[in-house]
Amino acid sequence: MLLVRTRLKPSKVHGLGCFAAERIPRGTVVWTLDESIDIQMPLAKLGSLSPPTERFYLTYGHVEMRDGEKIVILCGDHAKHMNHSDKPNVIEGDPDREENIAARDIEAGEELTCNYHAFDLDAVRKLSGALEPE
């Protein structure tokens, strides 16, 4: 769940992006896993969903390993539209708290970006353009 104000706008990186609606100082916790809004589902269960639903999860969710099982985490807010950058302005914070922080000061109107390779086991496929949303 995002802990800062954001808005969706067209992105120069890809499709829609998640943009800061306020200045975010370096070190600010930007996102944290919140089970009341962020859905966690075993990757193995995706095949039991309708094809459009499975595609949505694979496009907008990210895959992590939890207790020896691959799970998909689907953010329930604008965070699912955060695009990739090799030089992201949002990075992993304390891994025990499952949070992301601002890597530097982020100005209002700036797109929030993260490095998919740092947390998503499915990053290579996503960045190759496979399974683009319709």
N, C-alpha and C. Protein backbone atom coordinates (compact mmCIF):
# COMPACT_ATOMS: atom_id res chain seq x y z
N MET A 1 0.84 -1.17 0.00
CA MET A 1 0.00 0.00 0.00
C MET A 1 0.89 1.23 0.00
N LEU A 2 0.58 2.14 -0.90
CA LEU A 2 1.33 3.39 -0.95
C LEU A 2 1.03 4.23 0.28
N LEU A 3 2.07 4.83 0.83
CA LEU A 3 1.94 5.67 2.01
C LEU A 3 2.16 7.14 1.68
N VAL A 4 2.25 7.43 0.40
CA VAL A 4 2.40 8.80 -0.09
C VAL A 4 1.30 9.05 -1.12
N ARG A 5 0.99 10.31 -1.34
CA ARG A 5 -0.05 10.64 -2.33
C ARG A 5 0.52 10.48 -3.73
N THR A 6 -0.27 9.83 -4.60
CA THR A 6 0.16 9.61 -5.98
C THR A 6 -1.03 9.83 -6.91
N ARG A 7 -0.72 9.88 -8.19
CA ARG A 7 -1.77 9.91 -9.22
C ARG A 7 -1.25 9.15 -10.43
N LEU A 8 -2.18 8.64 -11.22
CA LEU A 8 -1.82 7.93 -12.45
C LEU A 8 -1.82 8.91 -13.61
N LYS A 9 -0.81 8.77 -14.47
CA LYS A 9 -0.72 9.59 -15.68
C LYS A 9 -0.02 8.75 -16.74
N PRO A 10 -0.15 9.14 -18.01
CA PRO A 10 0.63 8.47 -19.04
C PRO A 10 2.12 8.60 -18.73
N SER A 11 2.84 7.51 -18.97
CA SER A 11 4.26 7.43 -18.63
C SER A 11 5.12 7.44 -19.88
N LYS A 12 6.28 8.08 -19.80
CA LYS A 12 7.26 8.01 -20.89
C LYS A 12 7.97 6.66 -20.85
N VAL A 13 7.90 5.97 -19.71
CA VAL A 13 8.54 4.66 -19.57
C VAL A 13 7.69 3.59 -20.23
N HIS A 14 6.38 3.55 -19.82
CA HIS A 14 5.50 2.52 -20.35
C HIS A 14 4.08 2.75 -19.87
N GLY A 15 3.13 2.78 -20.77
CA GLY A 15 1.70 2.83 -20.41
C GLY A 15 1.37 3.91 -19.39
N LEU A 16 0.69 3.49 -18.33
CA LEU A 16 0.39 4.39 -17.22
C LEU A 16 1.52 4.28 -16.20
N GLY A 17 1.76 5.38 -15.51
CA GLY A 17 2.75 5.39 -14.45
C GLY A 17 2.17 5.94 -13.18
N CYS A 18 2.86 5.68 -12.10
CA CYS A 18 2.49 6.16 -10.77
C CYS A 18 3.38 7.37 -10.48
N PHE A 19 2.75 8.54 -10.30
CA PHE A 19 3.48 9.79 -10.14
C PHE A 19 3.27 10.38 -8.75
N ALA A 20 4.31 10.96 -8.20
CA ALA A 20 4.22 11.60 -6.89
C ALA A 20 3.30 12.81 -6.98
N ALA A 21 2.36 12.92 -6.04
CA ALA A 21 1.46 14.07 -5.98
C ALA A 21 1.94 15.04 -4.91
N GLU A 22 3.10 14.74 -4.34
CA GLU A 22 3.71 15.59 -3.32
C GLU A 22 5.21 15.33 -3.34
N ARG A 23 5.97 16.24 -2.76
CA ARG A 23 7.41 16.02 -2.65
C ARG A 23 7.63 14.91 -1.62
N ILE A 24 8.54 13.98 -1.95
CA ILE A 24 8.83 12.85 -1.08
C ILE A 24 10.32 12.92 -0.71
N PRO A 25 10.64 13.24 0.52
CA PRO A 25 12.05 13.31 0.92
C PRO A 25 12.73 11.94 0.91
N ARG A 26 14.02 11.95 0.64
CA ARG A 26 14.84 10.73 0.65
C ARG A 26 14.63 10.00 1.98
N GLY A 27 14.49 8.66 1.90
CA GLY A 27 14.33 7.84 3.09
C GLY A 27 12.89 7.65 3.55
N THR A 28 11.96 8.39 2.95
CA THR A 28 10.54 8.25 3.31
C THR A 28 10.04 6.86 2.90
N VAL A 29 9.29 6.21 3.77
CA VAL A 29 8.67 4.94 3.40
C VAL A 29 7.55 5.27 2.41
N VAL A 30 7.68 4.74 1.21
CA VAL A 30 6.75 5.01 0.11
C VAL A 30 5.66 3.94 0.04
N TRP A 31 6.05 2.69 0.28
CA TRP A 31 5.13 1.56 0.14
C TRP A 31 5.44 0.54 1.22
N THR A 32 4.40 -0.12 1.71
CA THR A 32 4.57 -1.27 2.59
C THR A 32 3.47 -2.29 2.28
N LEU A 33 3.79 -3.55 2.45
CA LEU A 33 2.80 -4.60 2.23
C LEU A 33 1.69 -4.45 3.27
N ASP A 34 0.46 -4.37 2.81
CA ASP A 34 -0.70 -4.24 3.69
C ASP A 34 -1.72 -5.28 3.24
N GLU A 35 -1.88 -6.30 4.05
CA GLU A 35 -2.75 -7.41 3.68
C GLU A 35 -4.21 -7.02 3.53
N SER A 36 -4.58 -5.84 4.01
CA SER A 36 -5.97 -5.41 3.85
C SER A 36 -6.25 -4.88 2.44
N ILE A 37 -5.19 -4.59 1.66
CA ILE A 37 -5.40 -4.06 0.30
C ILE A 37 -4.58 -4.81 -0.75
N ASP A 38 -3.43 -5.35 -0.37
CA ASP A 38 -2.55 -6.05 -1.30
C ASP A 38 -2.85 -7.55 -1.24
N ILE A 39 -3.17 -8.14 -2.40
CA ILE A 39 -3.57 -9.54 -2.48
C ILE A 39 -2.33 -10.42 -2.66
N GLN A 40 -2.26 -11.50 -1.90
CA GLN A 40 -1.20 -12.49 -2.04
C GLN A 40 -1.83 -13.83 -2.42
N MET A 41 -1.35 -14.39 -3.52
CA MET A 41 -1.93 -15.65 -4.00
C MET A 41 -0.81 -16.58 -4.48
N PRO A 42 -0.88 -17.86 -4.13
CA PRO A 42 0.10 -18.81 -4.66
C PRO A 42 0.07 -18.80 -6.19
N LEU A 43 1.23 -18.75 -6.79
CA LEU A 43 1.33 -18.74 -8.26
C LEU A 43 0.64 -19.96 -8.85
N ALA A 44 0.71 -21.09 -8.17
CA ALA A 44 0.11 -22.33 -8.66
C ALA A 44 -1.41 -22.22 -8.81
N LYS A 45 -2.05 -21.32 -8.08
CA LYS A 45 -3.51 -21.17 -8.15
C LYS A 45 -3.97 -20.31 -9.32
N LEU A 46 -3.06 -19.60 -9.98
CA LEU A 46 -3.47 -18.73 -11.08
C LEU A 46 -4.16 -19.49 -12.19
N GLY A 47 -3.74 -20.72 -12.44
CA GLY A 47 -4.33 -21.53 -13.50
C GLY A 47 -5.80 -21.85 -13.28
N SER A 48 -6.27 -21.71 -12.05
CA SER A 48 -7.68 -21.98 -11.76
C SER A 48 -8.56 -20.75 -12.00
N LEU A 49 -7.95 -19.63 -12.32
CA LEU A 49 -8.69 -18.39 -12.58
C LEU A 49 -9.05 -18.29 -14.06
N SER A 50 -9.97 -17.41 -14.39
CA SER A 50 -10.28 -17.19 -15.81
C SER A 50 -9.04 -16.64 -16.50
N PRO A 51 -8.88 -16.89 -17.80
CA PRO A 51 -7.70 -16.39 -18.51
C PRO A 51 -7.50 -14.87 -18.38
N PRO A 52 -8.56 -14.04 -18.47
CA PRO A 52 -8.32 -12.60 -18.29
C PRO A 52 -7.82 -12.25 -16.88
N THR A 53 -8.33 -12.95 -15.87
CA THR A 53 -7.90 -12.69 -14.50
C THR A 53 -6.46 -13.13 -14.29
N GLU A 54 -6.12 -14.29 -14.82
CA GLU A 54 -4.73 -14.77 -14.72
C GLU A 54 -3.78 -13.79 -15.40
N ARG A 55 -4.17 -13.31 -16.57
CA ARG A 55 -3.35 -12.34 -17.32
C ARG A 55 -3.16 -11.05 -16.50
N PHE A 56 -4.23 -10.59 -15.85
CA PHE A 56 -4.15 -9.39 -15.02
C PHE A 56 -3.13 -9.57 -13.89
N TYR A 57 -3.22 -10.71 -13.19
CA TYR A 57 -2.27 -10.99 -12.12
C TYR A 57 -0.83 -11.03 -12.63
N LEU A 58 -0.61 -11.69 -13.77
CA LEU A 58 0.74 -11.81 -14.31
C LEU A 58 1.28 -10.49 -14.86
N THR A 59 0.39 -9.59 -15.26
CA THR A 59 0.81 -8.30 -15.77
C THR A 59 1.10 -7.31 -14.64
N TYR A 60 0.19 -7.24 -13.68
CA TYR A 60 0.28 -6.20 -12.65
C TYR A 60 0.80 -6.68 -11.30
N GLY A 61 0.89 -7.98 -11.10
CA GLY A 61 1.43 -8.50 -9.85
C GLY A 61 2.92 -8.76 -9.99
N HIS A 62 3.56 -9.02 -8.88
CA HIS A 62 4.96 -9.45 -8.92
C HIS A 62 5.10 -10.75 -8.15
N VAL A 63 6.07 -11.56 -8.58
CA VAL A 63 6.26 -12.90 -8.03
C VAL A 63 7.42 -12.90 -7.03
N GLU A 64 7.15 -13.45 -5.86
CA GLU A 64 8.16 -13.59 -4.82
C GLU A 64 8.14 -15.03 -4.31
N MET A 65 9.21 -15.40 -3.63
CA MET A 65 9.28 -16.70 -2.98
C MET A 65 8.97 -16.49 -1.50
N ARG A 66 7.98 -17.22 -0.99
CA ARG A 66 7.60 -17.14 0.43
C ARG A 66 7.48 -18.55 0.97
N ASP A 67 8.24 -18.86 1.98
CA ASP A 67 8.17 -20.18 2.63
C ASP A 67 8.26 -21.31 1.62
N GLY A 68 9.17 -21.17 0.65
CA GLY A 68 9.39 -22.21 -0.35
C GLY A 68 8.36 -22.27 -1.46
N GLU A 69 7.46 -21.31 -1.53
CA GLU A 69 6.40 -21.30 -2.53
C GLU A 69 6.40 -19.96 -3.27
N LYS A 70 6.23 -20.02 -4.60
CA LYS A 70 6.11 -18.79 -5.36
C LYS A 70 4.71 -18.22 -5.16
N ILE A 71 4.66 -16.93 -4.83
CA ILE A 71 3.38 -16.26 -4.68
C ILE A 71 3.37 -15.01 -5.56
N VAL A 72 2.18 -14.59 -5.93
CA VAL A 72 2.00 -13.35 -6.67
C VAL A 72 1.41 -12.34 -5.70
N ILE A 73 2.00 -11.16 -5.67
CA ILE A 73 1.47 -10.06 -4.87
C ILE A 73 0.91 -9.03 -5.84
N LEU A 74 -0.36 -8.74 -5.70
CA LEU A 74 -1.03 -7.75 -6.54
C LEU A 74 -1.37 -6.56 -5.66
N CYS A 75 -0.71 -5.44 -5.90
CA CYS A 75 -0.98 -4.23 -5.14
C CYS A 75 -2.38 -3.74 -5.47
N GLY A 76 -3.11 -3.33 -4.45
CA GLY A 76 -4.50 -2.90 -4.62
C GLY A 76 -4.65 -1.42 -4.86
N ASP A 77 -3.56 -0.72 -5.10
CA ASP A 77 -3.63 0.73 -5.34
C ASP A 77 -2.74 1.09 -6.53
N HIS A 78 -2.40 2.36 -6.66
CA HIS A 78 -1.61 2.83 -7.81
C HIS A 78 -0.23 2.17 -7.90
N ALA A 79 0.23 1.56 -6.84
CA ALA A 79 1.57 0.94 -6.85
C ALA A 79 1.72 -0.10 -7.95
N LYS A 80 0.62 -0.73 -8.37
CA LYS A 80 0.72 -1.75 -9.43
C LYS A 80 1.12 -1.12 -10.78
N HIS A 81 1.09 0.20 -10.86
CA HIS A 81 1.48 0.89 -12.09
C HIS A 81 2.88 1.50 -12.00
N MET A 82 3.64 1.12 -10.97
CA MET A 82 5.00 1.63 -10.86
C MET A 82 5.86 0.93 -11.91
N ASN A 83 6.53 1.71 -12.73
CA ASN A 83 7.33 1.17 -13.83
C ASN A 83 8.77 0.92 -13.40
N HIS A 84 9.46 0.13 -14.24
CA HIS A 84 10.85 -0.27 -14.00
C HIS A 84 11.83 0.82 -14.41
N SER A 85 12.92 0.89 -13.66
CA SER A 85 14.08 1.70 -14.04
C SER A 85 15.32 1.00 -13.50
N ASP A 86 16.41 1.06 -14.28
CA ASP A 86 17.69 0.54 -13.78
C ASP A 86 18.26 1.46 -12.72
N LYS A 87 17.79 2.71 -12.67
CA LYS A 87 18.19 3.68 -11.65
C LYS A 87 16.92 4.20 -10.98
N PRO A 88 16.27 3.35 -10.17
CA PRO A 88 14.98 3.70 -9.58
C PRO A 88 15.08 4.78 -8.50
N ASN A 89 13.97 5.48 -8.31
CA ASN A 89 13.93 6.44 -7.20
C ASN A 89 13.23 5.84 -5.98
N VAL A 90 12.71 4.62 -6.10
CA VAL A 90 12.13 3.88 -4.98
C VAL A 90 12.87 2.55 -4.90
N ILE A 91 13.41 2.27 -3.71
CA ILE A 91 14.20 1.05 -3.51
C ILE A 91 13.69 0.28 -2.29
N GLU A 92 14.16 -0.95 -2.14
CA GLU A 92 13.77 -1.74 -0.98
C GLU A 92 14.33 -1.11 0.28
N GLY A 93 13.50 -1.06 1.31
CA GLY A 93 13.93 -0.58 2.61
C GLY A 93 14.24 -1.78 3.49
N ASP A 94 13.76 -1.75 4.71
CA ASP A 94 13.97 -2.84 5.65
C ASP A 94 13.21 -4.08 5.16
N PRO A 95 13.94 -5.15 4.76
CA PRO A 95 13.25 -6.34 4.23
C PRO A 95 12.36 -7.02 5.26
N ASP A 96 12.67 -6.90 6.54
CA ASP A 96 11.83 -7.51 7.57
C ASP A 96 10.49 -6.80 7.70
N ARG A 97 10.42 -5.56 7.22
CA ARG A 97 9.18 -4.79 7.31
C ARG A 97 8.45 -4.73 5.98
N GLU A 98 9.03 -5.36 4.94
CA GLU A 98 8.42 -5.37 3.60
C GLU A 98 8.00 -3.96 3.19
N GLU A 99 9.01 -3.11 3.04
CA GLU A 99 8.74 -1.73 2.69
C GLU A 99 9.70 -1.25 1.62
N ASN A 100 9.27 -0.22 0.92
CA ASN A 100 10.11 0.46 -0.06
C ASN A 100 10.24 1.91 0.37
N ILE A 101 11.43 2.48 0.10
CA ILE A 101 11.70 3.86 0.51
C ILE A 101 12.17 4.70 -0.68
N ALA A 102 12.10 6.00 -0.51
CA ALA A 102 12.61 6.91 -1.54
C ALA A 102 14.13 6.87 -1.50
N ALA A 103 14.75 6.56 -2.65
CA ALA A 103 16.20 6.46 -2.75
C ALA A 103 16.85 7.85 -2.74
N ARG A 104 16.08 8.83 -3.09
CA ARG A 104 16.53 10.23 -3.13
C ARG A 104 15.29 11.09 -3.01
N ASP A 105 15.46 12.39 -2.91
CA ASP A 105 14.30 13.28 -2.91
C ASP A 105 13.56 13.11 -4.23
N ILE A 106 12.26 12.98 -4.17
CA ILE A 106 11.41 12.84 -5.35
C ILE A 106 10.48 14.04 -5.39
N GLU A 107 10.47 14.74 -6.49
CA GLU A 107 9.67 15.95 -6.61
C GLU A 107 8.23 15.62 -7.00
N ALA A 108 7.30 16.47 -6.59
CA ALA A 108 5.90 16.32 -7.01
C ALA A 108 5.86 16.31 -8.53
N GLY A 109 5.09 15.41 -9.10
CA GLY A 109 4.97 15.28 -10.55
C GLY A 109 5.96 14.31 -11.17
N GLU A 110 6.91 13.82 -10.39
CA GLU A 110 7.92 12.88 -10.89
C GLU A 110 7.37 11.45 -10.83
N GLU A 111 7.67 10.67 -11.85
CA GLU A 111 7.23 9.28 -11.86
C GLU A 111 8.02 8.46 -10.84
N LEU A 112 7.29 7.63 -10.08
CA LEU A 112 7.93 6.70 -9.15
C LEU A 112 8.34 5.46 -9.93
N THR A 113 9.60 5.05 -9.77
CA THR A 113 10.10 3.87 -10.47
C THR A 113 10.81 2.95 -9.49
N CYS A 114 10.84 1.68 -9.85
CA CYS A 114 11.53 0.68 -9.04
C CYS A 114 12.28 -0.26 -9.98
N ASN A 115 13.21 -1.01 -9.44
CA ASN A 115 13.96 -1.98 -10.23
C ASN A 115 13.30 -3.34 -10.07
N TYR A 116 12.59 -3.79 -11.08
CA TYR A 116 11.87 -5.07 -11.02
C TYR A 116 12.79 -6.23 -10.63
N HIS A 117 14.05 -6.17 -11.08
CA HIS A 117 14.98 -7.27 -10.81
C HIS A 117 15.27 -7.42 -9.32
N ALA A 118 15.03 -6.38 -8.53
CA ALA A 118 15.31 -6.42 -7.10
C ALA A 118 14.29 -7.23 -6.30
N PHE A 119 13.09 -7.45 -6.88
CA PHE A 119 12.05 -8.10 -6.08
C PHE A 119 11.13 -9.04 -6.86
N ASP A 120 11.11 -8.96 -8.19
CA ASP A 120 10.14 -9.73 -8.97
C ASP A 120 10.83 -10.87 -9.71
N LEU A 121 10.50 -12.11 -9.34
CA LEU A 121 11.08 -13.27 -10.00
C LEU A 121 10.65 -13.38 -11.46
N ASP A 122 9.67 -12.61 -11.85
CA ASP A 122 9.13 -12.61 -13.21
C ASP A 122 9.60 -11.38 -14.01
N ALA A 123 10.61 -10.69 -13.51
CA ALA A 123 11.06 -9.44 -14.13
C ALA A 123 11.52 -9.62 -15.58
N VAL A 124 12.25 -10.65 -15.87
CA VAL A 124 12.79 -10.84 -17.23
C VAL A 124 11.65 -10.94 -18.24
N ARG A 125 10.62 -11.73 -17.92
CA ARG A 125 9.49 -11.86 -18.84
C ARG A 125 8.77 -10.53 -19.01
N LYS A 126 8.52 -9.84 -17.90
CA LYS A 126 7.81 -8.57 -17.98
C LYS A 126 8.57 -7.55 -18.82
N LEU A 127 9.86 -7.46 -18.62
CA LEU A 127 10.65 -6.46 -19.32
C LEU A 127 10.91 -6.85 -20.78
N SER A 128 10.65 -8.10 -21.12
CA SER A 128 10.80 -8.53 -22.52
C SER A 128 9.57 -8.12 -23.34
N GLY A 129 8.50 -7.70 -22.64
CA GLY A 129 7.27 -7.30 -23.32
C GLY A 129 6.28 -8.42 -23.49
N ALA A 130 6.61 -9.60 -22.98
CA ALA A 130 5.66 -10.73 -23.07
C ALA A 130 4.46 -10.46 -22.20
N LEU A 131 3.31 -10.92 -22.64
CA LEU A 131 2.06 -10.81 -21.89
C LEU A 131 1.67 -9.36 -21.61
N GLU A 132 1.76 -8.54 -22.62
CA GLU A 132 1.33 -7.13 -22.47
C GLU A 132 -0.17 -7.06 -22.22
N PRO A 133 -0.60 -6.09 -21.38
CA PRO A 133 -2.06 -5.94 -21.19
C PRO A 133 -2.74 -5.50 -22.48
N GLU A 134 -3.99 -5.90 -22.62
CA GLU A 134 -4.72 -5.54 -23.85
C GLU A 134 -5.39 -4.19 -23.67
